[in-house]
Amino acid sequence: MTSERNTDIEIRLLIEAIYLKYSYDFRDYSGASIKRRILHALRQFDCRTVSALQERVLHDPGMFMQLLQYLTIPVSEMFRDPGHFLALREEVVPLLRTWPSLKIWIAGCSTGEEVYSMAILLREEGLLERTIIYATDINPHSLEKAKQGIYSMQNMQGYEENYRKAGGRRDFSEYYTSAYGNAIMDSSLRDNVTFADHSLATDSVFSETQLVSCRNVLIYFNKSLQDRAFGLFHESLCHRGFLVLGSKESVDFSAYSEQFEPLVKPERIFRKS
């Protein structure tokens, strides 16, 4: 019990040290989630204690960047939860057409799979040309991979199945070129994409948008940080803009529950009241 309590104290000190030294704020992330990730990193870095890890992180920025990969753990896939993208296509796109130009914010874009999924959907609906997509994440390595748009061919078969279920209208292979066991996404899909470093814990809103997508990110936040994120999304969205969340996330019971109304609740698509 004493050993576990010491570990909990060390984790709090490590998270505070990261914030003070590098300005990355994990203080309001889910305690159980962040603890699990740090303990996993301990084994990978062959550190006996969290304090030993903290010493290395404080004195070696390169070590912090390695640890960041464990703290953010990018997990994504193209057209993840196909029913969600089908609902976007059928219920949201007709309403997006009413704006002469569009700005879409994909918060927590990870390695870019959702960015390319959104770009493909918008292209097929004739909206990509008049859309600016802001793709943000706190992990610079993930952002770099998103910019490159290179993914393993082993994953593409599953992505193609997702795309078909999401209402895709073409041969999915039209959107990438295969080379050396990888799929290289069509570069034109990111012509209107701006990739940027952004933290929902510390940064502010940077543009008015018609749609905000933040999927499978808020589940790692505590309630206080969730409310901060919802506040940013509410501030960013224009009148009657759309907020889309992950399958296990909801604006219900948050400080902003009255500020959004469900449009397609099973697919976690909300509209600013």
C-alpha atoms as a PDB file:
ATOM      1  CA  MET A   1       0.000   0.000   0.000  1.00  0.00           C
ATOM      2  CA  THR A   2       2.828   2.389   0.940  1.00  0.00           C
ATOM      3  CA  SER A   3       4.656   1.575  -2.289  1.00  0.00           C
ATOM      4  CA  GLU A   4       1.540   2.269  -4.371  1.00  0.00           C
ATOM      5  CA  ARG A   5       0.931   5.541  -2.542  1.00  0.00           C
ATOM      6  CA  ASN A   6       4.541   6.561  -3.191  1.00  0.00           C
ATOM      7  CA  THR A   7       4.051   5.780  -6.882  1.00  0.00           C
ATOM      8  CA  ASP A   8       0.900   7.935  -7.004  1.00  0.00           C
ATOM      9  CA  ILE A   9       2.802  10.818  -5.404  1.00  0.00           C
ATOM     10  CA  GLU A  10       5.695  10.401  -7.840  1.00  0.00           C
ATOM     11  CA  ILE A  11       3.288  10.437 -10.795  1.00  0.00           C
ATOM     12  CA  ARG A  12       1.736  13.714  -9.595  1.00  0.00           C
ATOM     13  CA  LEU A  13       5.219  15.208  -9.263  1.00  0.00           C
ATOM     14  CA  LEU A  14       6.199  13.990 -12.735  1.00  0.00           C
ATOM     15  CA  ILE A  15       3.073  15.489 -14.323  1.00  0.00           C
ATOM     16  CA  GLU A  16       3.701  18.803 -12.539  1.00  0.00           C
ATOM     17  CA  ALA A  17       7.352  18.766 -13.623  1.00  0.00           C
ATOM     18  CA  ILE A  18       6.355  18.174 -17.255  1.00  0.00           C
ATOM     19  CA  TYR A  19       3.973  21.130 -17.090  1.00  0.00           C
ATOM     20  CA  LEU A  20       6.567  23.457 -15.500  1.00  0.00           C
ATOM     21  CA  LYS A  21       9.417  22.415 -17.809  1.00  0.00           C
ATOM     22  CA  TYR A  22       7.725  21.764 -21.155  1.00  0.00           C
ATOM     23  CA  SER A  23       4.273  23.432 -20.810  1.00  0.00           C
ATOM     24  CA  TYR A  24       2.436  20.186 -21.647  1.00  0.00           C
ATOM     25  CA  ASP A  25      -0.467  19.945 -19.231  1.00  0.00           C
ATOM     26  CA  PHE A  26      -1.592  16.432 -18.272  1.00  0.00           C
ATOM     27  CA  ARG A  27      -2.752  17.442 -14.782  1.00  0.00           C
ATOM     28  CA  ASP A  28      -6.439  17.025 -15.587  1.00  0.00           C
ATOM     29  CA  TYR A  29      -6.158  13.827 -17.573  1.00  0.00           C
ATOM     30  CA  SER A  30      -7.901  10.761 -16.181  1.00  0.00           C
ATOM     31  CA  GLY A  31      -5.787   9.524 -13.259  1.00  0.00           C
ATOM     32  CA  ALA A  32      -6.163   5.821 -14.045  1.00  0.00           C
ATOM     33  CA  SER A  33      -5.320   6.321 -17.727  1.00  0.00           C
ATOM     34  CA  ILE A  34      -2.226   8.455 -17.159  1.00  0.00           C
ATOM     35  CA  LYS A  35      -0.969   6.098 -14.424  1.00  0.00           C
ATOM     36  CA  ARG A  36      -1.314   3.087 -16.717  1.00  0.00           C
ATOM     37  CA  ARG A  37       0.620   4.859 -19.466  1.00  0.00           C
ATOM     38  CA  ILE A  38       3.424   6.021 -17.188  1.00  0.00           C
ATOM     39  CA  LEU A  39       3.889   2.572 -15.640  1.00  0.00           C
ATOM     40  CA  HIS A  40       4.076   1.113 -19.143  1.00  0.00           C
ATOM     41  CA  ALA A  41       6.716   3.709 -20.068  1.00  0.00           C
ATOM     42  CA  LEU A  42       8.722   2.786 -16.947  1.00  0.00           C
ATOM     43  CA  ARG A  43       9.174  -0.741 -18.234  1.00  0.00           C
ATOM     44  CA  GLN A  44      10.093   0.449 -21.729  1.00  0.00           C
ATOM     45  CA  PHE A  45      12.721   2.880 -20.421  1.00  0.00           C
ATOM     46  CA  ASP A  46      14.057   0.436 -17.825  1.00  0.00           C
ATOM     47  CA  CYS A  47      13.439   2.863 -14.951  1.00  0.00           C
ATOM     48  CA  ARG A  48      12.970   1.377 -11.482  1.00  0.00           C
ATOM     49  CA  THR A  49      10.849   4.270 -10.172  1.00  0.00           C
ATOM     50  CA  VAL A  50       8.820   7.170 -11.531  1.00  0.00           C
ATOM     51  CA  SER A  51      11.280   9.507  -9.800  1.00  0.00           C
ATOM     52  CA  ALA A  52      14.083   8.012 -11.884  1.00  0.00           C
ATOM     53  CA  LEU A  53      12.023   8.642 -15.003  1.00  0.00           C
ATOM     54  CA  GLN A  54      11.363  12.216 -13.868  1.00  0.00           C
ATOM     55  CA  GLU A  55      15.073  12.906 -13.481  1.00  0.00           C
ATOM     56  CA  ARG A  56      15.755  11.732 -17.024  1.00  0.00           C
ATOM     57  CA  VAL A  57      12.817  13.683 -18.460  1.00  0.00           C
ATOM     58  CA  LEU A  58      13.785  16.934 -16.714  1.00  0.00           C
ATOM     59  CA  HIS A  59      17.380  16.843 -17.956  1.00  0.00           C
ATOM     60  CA  ASP A  60      16.836  15.447 -21.446  1.00  0.00           C
ATOM     61  CA  PRO A  61      14.234  17.039 -23.771  1.00  0.00           C
ATOM     62  CA  GLY A  62      14.707  14.122 -26.181  1.00  0.00           C
ATOM     63  CA  MET A  63      13.662  11.765 -23.396  1.00  0.00           C
ATOM     64  CA  PHE A  64      10.527  13.835 -22.833  1.00  0.00           C
ATOM     65  CA  MET A  65       9.602  13.540 -26.511  1.00  0.00           C
ATOM     66  CA  GLN A  66       9.943   9.775 -26.214  1.00  0.00           C
ATOM     67  CA  LEU A  67       7.735   9.750 -23.118  1.00  0.00           C
ATOM     68  CA  LEU A  68       5.178  11.913 -24.927  1.00  0.00           C
ATOM     69  CA  GLN A  69       4.554   9.043 -27.333  1.00  0.00           C
ATOM     70  CA  TYR A  70       3.393   6.942 -24.390  1.00  0.00           C
ATOM     71  CA  LEU A  71       1.352   9.717 -22.767  1.00  0.00           C
ATOM     72  CA  THR A  72      -0.668  10.394 -25.917  1.00  0.00           C
ATOM     73  CA  ILE A  73      -0.717   6.888 -27.503  1.00  0.00           C
ATOM     74  CA  PRO A  74      -2.038   7.596 -31.023  1.00  0.00           C
ATOM     75  CA  VAL A  75      -4.741   5.065 -31.905  1.00  0.00           C
ATOM     76  CA  SER A  76      -6.889   5.688 -34.965  1.00  0.00           C
ATOM     77  CA  GLU A  77      -8.183   4.252 -38.219  1.00  0.00           C
ATOM     78  CA  MET A  78      -9.819   5.595 -41.353  1.00  0.00           C
ATOM     79  CA  PHE A  79     -13.596   5.880 -41.278  1.00  0.00           C
ATOM     80  CA  ARG A  80     -13.587   4.562 -37.716  1.00  0.00           C
ATOM     81  CA  ASP A  81     -17.172   3.770 -36.678  1.00  0.00           C
ATOM     82  CA  PRO A  82     -18.538   3.842 -40.264  1.00  0.00           C
ATOM     83  CA  GLY A  83     -22.077   4.610 -39.066  1.00  0.00           C
ATOM     84  CA  HIS A  84     -20.774   7.908 -37.740  1.00  0.00           C
ATOM     85  CA  PHE A  85     -19.415   8.939 -41.141  1.00  0.00           C
ATOM     86  CA  LEU A  86     -22.563   7.735 -42.872  1.00  0.00           C
ATOM     87  CA  ALA A  87     -24.606   9.978 -40.548  1.00  0.00           C
ATOM     88  CA  LEU A  88     -22.288  12.897 -41.336  1.00  0.00           C
ATOM     89  CA  ARG A  89     -22.807  12.269 -45.047  1.00  0.00           C
ATOM     90  CA  GLU A  90     -26.591  11.959 -44.837  1.00  0.00           C
ATOM     91  CA  GLU A  91     -27.553  14.326 -42.002  1.00  0.00           C
ATOM     92  CA  VAL A  92     -24.821  16.966 -41.711  1.00  0.00           C
ATOM     93  CA  VAL A  93     -23.480  17.483 -45.242  1.00  0.00           C
ATOM     94  CA  PRO A  94     -26.825  18.790 -46.614  1.00  0.00           C
ATOM     95  CA  LEU A  95     -26.736  21.456 -43.888  1.00  0.00           C
ATOM     96  CA  LEU A  96     -23.071  22.263 -44.469  1.00  0.00           C
ATOM     97  CA  ARG A  97     -23.951  23.043 -48.092  1.00  0.00           C
ATOM     98  CA  THR A  98     -25.866  26.115 -46.881  1.00  0.00           C
ATOM     99  CA  TRP A  99     -22.581  27.907 -46.007  1.00  0.00           C
ATOM    100  CA  PRO A 100     -20.607  29.502 -48.872  1.00  0.00           C
ATOM    101  CA  SER A 101     -17.316  28.412 -47.258  1.00  0.00           C
ATOM    102  CA  LEU A 102     -16.472  26.018 -44.462  1.00  0.00           C
ATOM    103  CA  LYS A 103     -13.946  25.701 -41.660  1.00  0.00           C
ATOM    104  CA  ILE A 104     -13.656  22.382 -39.855  1.00  0.00           C
ATOM    105  CA  TRP A 105     -11.562  21.726 -36.750  1.00  0.00           C
ATOM    106  CA  ILE A 106     -10.384  18.161 -36.085  1.00  0.00           C
ATOM    107  CA  ALA A 107      -9.089  18.331 -32.505  1.00  0.00           C
ATOM    108  CA  GLY A 108      -6.777  15.536 -31.418  1.00  0.00           C
ATOM    109  CA  CYS A 109      -6.172  14.417 -34.993  1.00  0.00           C
ATOM    110  CA  SER A 110      -3.468  11.922 -33.948  1.00  0.00           C
ATOM    111  CA  THR A 111      -1.695  10.426 -36.987  1.00  0.00           C
ATOM    112  CA  GLY A 112      -4.226  11.819 -39.459  1.00  0.00           C
ATOM    113  CA  GLU A 113      -6.548   8.945 -40.329  1.00  0.00           C
ATOM    114  CA  GLU A 114      -9.653  10.979 -39.479  1.00  0.00           C
ATOM    115  CA  VAL A 115      -8.314  13.975 -41.407  1.00  0.00           C
ATOM    116  CA  TYR A 116      -8.064  11.970 -44.627  1.00  0.00           C
ATOM    117  CA  SER A 117     -11.431  10.314 -43.960  1.00  0.00           C
ATOM    118  CA  MET A 118     -13.057  13.736 -43.625  1.00  0.00           C
ATOM    119  CA  ALA A 119     -11.273  15.064 -46.717  1.00  0.00           C
ATOM    120  CA  ILE A 120     -12.432  12.076 -48.795  1.00  0.00           C
ATOM    121  CA  LEU A 121     -16.019  12.476 -47.614  1.00  0.00           C
ATOM    122  CA  LEU A 122     -15.992  16.213 -48.383  1.00  0.00           C
ATOM    123  CA  ARG A 123     -14.473  15.635 -51.826  1.00  0.00           C
ATOM    124  CA  GLU A 124     -17.164  13.132 -52.725  1.00  0.00           C
ATOM    125  CA  GLU A 125     -19.811  15.604 -51.583  1.00  0.00           C
ATOM    126  CA  GLY A 126     -18.298  18.471 -53.584  1.00  0.00           C
ATOM    127  CA  LEU A 127     -17.345  20.493 -50.500  1.00  0.00           C
ATOM    128  CA  LEU A 128     -13.582  20.014 -50.126  1.00  0.00           C
ATOM    129  CA  GLU A 129     -12.687  22.838 -52.505  1.00  0.00           C
ATOM    130  CA  ARG A 130     -14.388  25.419 -50.282  1.00  0.00           C
ATOM    131  CA  THR A 131     -13.301  23.956 -46.942  1.00  0.00           C
ATOM    132  CA  ILE A 132     -10.349  24.701 -44.680  1.00  0.00           C
ATOM    133  CA  ILE A 133      -9.576  21.856 -42.267  1.00  0.00           C
ATOM    134  CA  TYR A 134      -7.612  22.613 -39.103  1.00  0.00           C
ATOM    135  CA  ALA A 135      -6.025  19.390 -37.843  1.00  0.00           C
ATOM    136  CA  THR A 136      -4.511  19.767 -34.374  1.00  0.00           C
ATOM    137  CA  ASP A 137      -2.756  17.576 -31.832  1.00  0.00           C
ATOM    138  CA  ILE A 138      -0.297  17.978 -28.959  1.00  0.00           C
ATOM    139  CA  ASN A 139       2.047  15.268 -30.267  1.00  0.00           C
ATOM    140  CA  PRO A 140       4.462  16.653 -32.899  1.00  0.00           C
ATOM    141  CA  HIS A 141       5.468  13.152 -34.038  1.00  0.00           C
ATOM    142  CA  SER A 142       1.842  12.263 -34.710  1.00  0.00           C
ATOM    143  CA  LEU A 143       1.334  15.540 -36.583  1.00  0.00           C
ATOM    144  CA  GLU A 144       4.359  14.826 -38.761  1.00  0.00           C
ATOM    145  CA  LYS A 145       2.999  11.399 -39.655  1.00  0.00           C
ATOM    146  CA  ALA A 146      -0.381  12.985 -40.432  1.00  0.00           C
ATOM    147  CA  LYS A 147       1.320  15.468 -42.789  1.00  0.00           C
ATOM    148  CA  GLN A 148       3.141  12.660 -44.577  1.00  0.00           C
ATOM    149  CA  GLY A 149      -0.027  10.596 -45.033  1.00  0.00           C
ATOM    150  CA  ILE A 150       1.802   7.269 -45.246  1.00  0.00           C
ATOM    151  CA  TYR A 151       0.138   4.197 -43.721  1.00  0.00           C
ATOM    152  CA  SER A 152       0.735   0.461 -43.730  1.00  0.00           C
ATOM    153  CA  MET A 153      -0.901  -1.421 -46.585  1.00  0.00           C
ATOM    154  CA  GLN A 154      -1.827  -4.102 -44.044  1.00  0.00           C
ATOM    155  CA  ASN A 155      -4.414  -1.712 -42.611  1.00  0.00           C
ATOM    156  CA  MET A 156      -5.931  -0.573 -45.894  1.00  0.00           C
ATOM    157  CA  GLN A 157      -8.220  -3.570 -46.345  1.00  0.00           C
ATOM    158  CA  GLY A 158      -9.940  -2.797 -43.054  1.00  0.00           C
ATOM    159  CA  TYR A 159     -10.083   0.891 -43.958  1.00  0.00           C
ATOM    160  CA  GLU A 160     -11.652   0.018 -47.314  1.00  0.00           C
ATOM    161  CA  GLU A 161     -14.381  -1.953 -45.562  1.00  0.00           C
ATOM    162  CA  ASN A 162     -15.032   0.999 -43.234  1.00  0.00           C
ATOM    163  CA  TYR A 163     -15.156   3.343 -46.232  1.00  0.00           C
ATOM    164  CA  ARG A 164     -17.721   1.170 -47.994  1.00  0.00           C
ATOM    165  CA  LYS A 165     -19.947   1.001 -44.898  1.00  0.00           C
ATOM    166  CA  ALA A 166     -19.609   4.780 -44.503  1.00  0.00           C
ATOM    167  CA  GLY A 167     -21.265   5.310 -47.885  1.00  0.00           C
ATOM    168  CA  GLY A 168     -18.112   5.606 -49.995  1.00  0.00           C
ATOM    169  CA  ARG A 169     -18.853   6.104 -53.669  1.00  0.00           C
ATOM    170  CA  ARG A 170     -15.613   5.159 -55.397  1.00  0.00           C
ATOM    171  CA  ASP A 171     -12.917   2.539 -55.332  1.00  0.00           C
ATOM    172  CA  PHE A 172     -11.025   3.357 -52.141  1.00  0.00           C
ATOM    173  CA  SER A 173      -7.700   2.622 -53.869  1.00  0.00           C
ATOM    174  CA  GLU A 174      -8.222   5.786 -55.961  1.00  0.00           C
ATOM    175  CA  TYR A 175      -7.217   7.795 -52.899  1.00  0.00           C
ATOM    176  CA  TYR A 176      -3.746   6.348 -52.375  1.00  0.00           C
ATOM    177  CA  THR A 177      -0.707   4.925 -54.149  1.00  0.00           C
ATOM    178  CA  SER A 178       0.941   1.747 -52.905  1.00  0.00           C
ATOM    179  CA  ALA A 179       4.729   1.567 -52.579  1.00  0.00           C
ATOM    180  CA  TYR A 180       7.093  -0.603 -50.539  1.00  0.00           C
ATOM    181  CA  GLY A 181       4.300  -2.048 -48.409  1.00  0.00           C
ATOM    182  CA  ASN A 182       2.820   1.355 -47.619  1.00  0.00           C
ATOM    183  CA  ALA A 183      -0.139   3.377 -48.831  1.00  0.00           C
ATOM    184  CA  ILE A 184       0.678   6.999 -49.692  1.00  0.00           C
ATOM    185  CA  MET A 185      -2.431   9.160 -49.528  1.00  0.00           C
ATOM    186  CA  ASP A 186      -3.218  11.466 -52.465  1.00  0.00           C
ATOM    187  CA  SER A 187      -1.480  14.733 -51.588  1.00  0.00           C
ATOM    188  CA  SER A 188      -4.378  16.790 -52.975  1.00  0.00           C
ATOM    189  CA  LEU A 189      -6.483  15.589 -50.017  1.00  0.00           C
ATOM    190  CA  ARG A 190      -4.408  17.796 -47.717  1.00  0.00           C
ATOM    191  CA  ASP A 191      -4.178  20.868 -49.953  1.00  0.00           C
ATOM    192  CA  ASN A 192      -6.774  22.583 -47.751  1.00  0.00           C
ATOM    193  CA  VAL A 193      -5.509  21.158 -44.452  1.00  0.00           C
ATOM    194  CA  THR A 194      -3.549  23.147 -41.870  1.00  0.00           C
ATOM    195  CA  PHE A 195      -1.747  20.942 -39.333  1.00  0.00           C
ATOM    196  CA  ALA A 196      -0.968  22.662 -36.030  1.00  0.00           C
ATOM    197  CA  ASP A 197       0.227  21.946 -32.503  1.00  0.00           C
ATOM    198  CA  HIS A 198      -2.646  22.673 -30.099  1.00  0.00           C
ATOM    199  CA  SER A 199      -3.475  21.606 -26.547  1.00  0.00           C
ATOM    200  CA  LEU A 200      -7.062  21.486 -25.325  1.00  0.00           C
ATOM    201  CA  ALA A 201      -5.652  21.827 -21.794  1.00  0.00           C
ATOM    202  CA  THR A 202      -3.784  25.109 -22.252  1.00  0.00           C
ATOM    203  CA  ASP A 203      -4.470  26.753 -25.638  1.00  0.00           C
ATOM    204  CA  SER A 204      -7.335  28.944 -26.810  1.00  0.00           C
ATOM    205  CA  VAL A 205      -9.625  29.067 -29.844  1.00  0.00           C
ATOM    206  CA  PHE A 206      -7.967  30.194 -33.094  1.00  0.00           C
ATOM    207  CA  SER A 207     -10.840  30.377 -35.619  1.00  0.00           C
ATOM    208  CA  GLU A 208     -14.607  30.321 -36.079  1.00  0.00           C
ATOM    209  CA  THR A 209     -15.715  26.967 -37.466  1.00  0.00           C
ATOM    210  CA  GLN A 210     -18.852  25.279 -38.798  1.00  0.00           C
ATOM    211  CA  LEU A 211     -17.918  21.823 -37.486  1.00  0.00           C
ATOM    212  CA  VAL A 212     -15.687  20.551 -34.689  1.00  0.00           C
ATOM    213  CA  SER A 213     -14.714  16.888 -34.557  1.00  0.00           C
ATOM    214  CA  CYS A 214     -13.091  15.635 -31.365  1.00  0.00           C
ATOM    215  CA  ARG A 215     -13.449  11.871 -31.213  1.00  0.00           C
ATOM    216  CA  ASN A 216     -12.054   9.512 -28.596  1.00  0.00           C
ATOM    217  CA  VAL A 217     -10.015  12.238 -26.904  1.00  0.00           C
ATOM    218  CA  LEU A 218     -12.276  13.425 -24.078  1.00  0.00           C
ATOM    219  CA  ILE A 219     -12.453   9.929 -22.555  1.00  0.00           C
ATOM    220  CA  TYR A 220      -8.896  10.547 -21.311  1.00  0.00           C
ATOM    221  CA  PHE A 221      -9.839  13.837 -19.561  1.00  0.00           C
ATOM    222  CA  ASN A 222     -11.349  14.394 -16.145  1.00  0.00           C
ATOM    223  CA  LYS A 223     -14.590  16.367 -15.915  1.00  0.00           C
ATOM    224  CA  SER A 224     -12.866  19.720 -15.405  1.00  0.00           C
ATOM    225  CA  LEU A 225     -10.784  19.356 -18.557  1.00  0.00           C
ATOM    226  CA  GLN A 226     -13.751  18.007 -20.511  1.00  0.00           C
ATOM    227  CA  ASP A 227     -15.674  21.151 -19.611  1.00  0.00           C
ATOM    228  CA  ARG A 228     -12.734  23.305 -20.703  1.00  0.00           C
ATOM    229  CA  ALA A 229     -12.679  21.513 -24.059  1.00  0.00           C
ATOM    230  CA  PHE A 230     -16.436  21.887 -24.515  1.00  0.00           C
ATOM    231  CA  GLY A 231     -16.014  25.589 -23.778  1.00  0.00           C
ATOM    232  CA  LEU A 232     -13.426  25.895 -26.552  1.00  0.00           C
ATOM    233  CA  PHE A 233     -15.654  24.029 -28.992  1.00  0.00           C
ATOM    234  CA  HIS A 234     -18.671  26.185 -28.105  1.00  0.00           C
ATOM    235  CA  GLU A 235     -16.612  29.357 -28.569  1.00  0.00           C
ATOM    236  CA  SER A 236     -15.204  28.149 -31.875  1.00  0.00           C
ATOM    237  CA  LEU A 237     -18.482  27.041 -33.436  1.00  0.00           C
ATOM    238  CA  CYS A 238     -20.593  29.511 -35.360  1.00  0.00           C
ATOM    239  CA  HIS A 239     -24.328  29.771 -34.796  1.00  0.00           C
ATOM    240  CA  ARG A 240     -25.891  26.316 -35.331  1.00  0.00           C
ATOM    241  CA  GLY A 241     -22.487  24.708 -35.923  1.00  0.00           C
ATOM    242  CA  PHE A 242     -21.891  20.991 -35.377  1.00  0.00           C
ATOM    243  CA  LEU A 243     -19.969  19.116 -32.694  1.00  0.00           C
ATOM    244  CA  VAL A 244     -19.093  15.458 -33.284  1.00  0.00           C
ATOM    245  CA  LEU A 245     -17.701  13.205 -30.552  1.00  0.00           C
ATOM    246  CA  GLY A 246     -16.515   9.627 -30.101  1.00  0.00           C
ATOM    247  CA  SER A 247     -18.827   6.691 -29.471  1.00  0.00           C
ATOM    248  CA  LYS A 248     -18.262   6.762 -25.693  1.00  0.00           C
ATOM    249  CA  GLU A 249     -18.391  10.541 -25.317  1.00  0.00           C
ATOM    250  CA  SER A 250     -21.265  12.958 -24.796  1.00  0.00           C
ATOM    251  CA  VAL A 251     -21.911  16.575 -23.957  1.00  0.00           C
ATOM    252  CA  ASP A 252     -24.626  15.372 -21.533  1.00  0.00           C
ATOM    253  CA  PHE A 253     -23.915  16.122 -17.850  1.00  0.00           C
ATOM    254  CA  SER A 254     -21.219  18.617 -18.807  1.00  0.00           C
ATOM    255  CA  ALA A 255     -21.306  22.342 -17.999  1.00  0.00           C
ATOM    256  CA  TYR A 256     -22.332  22.893 -21.646  1.00  0.00           C
ATOM    257  CA  SER A 257     -25.160  20.351 -21.884  1.00  0.00           C
ATOM    258  CA  GLU A 258     -27.724  23.127 -22.415  1.00  0.00           C
ATOM    259  CA  GLN A 259     -25.631  24.729 -25.153  1.00  0.00           C
ATOM    260  CA  PHE A 260     -25.906  21.787 -27.551  1.00  0.00           C
ATOM    261  CA  GLU A 261     -28.787  19.695 -28.855  1.00  0.00           C
ATOM    262  CA  PRO A 262     -28.554  16.197 -30.327  1.00  0.00           C
ATOM    263  CA  LEU A 263     -28.847  15.891 -34.098  1.00  0.00           C
ATOM    264  CA  VAL A 264     -27.953  12.194 -34.423  1.00  0.00           C
ATOM    265  CA  LYS A 265     -27.449  11.171 -30.803  1.00  0.00           C
ATOM    266  CA  PRO A 266     -26.519   7.493 -31.380  1.00  0.00           C
ATOM    267  CA  GLU A 267     -23.607   8.711 -33.525  1.00  0.00           C
ATOM    268  CA  ARG A 268     -22.719  11.510 -31.061  1.00  0.00           C
ATOM    269  CA  ILE A 269     -23.472  14.360 -33.457  1.00  0.00           C
ATOM    270  CA  PHE A 270     -24.669  17.545 -31.752  1.00  0.00           C
ATOM    271  CA  ARG A 271     -25.620  21.021 -32.894  1.00  0.00           C
ATOM    272  CA  LYS A 272     -24.946  24.309 -31.127  1.00  0.00           C
ATOM    273  CA  SER A 273     -28.197  25.607 -29.656  1.00  0.00           C
END
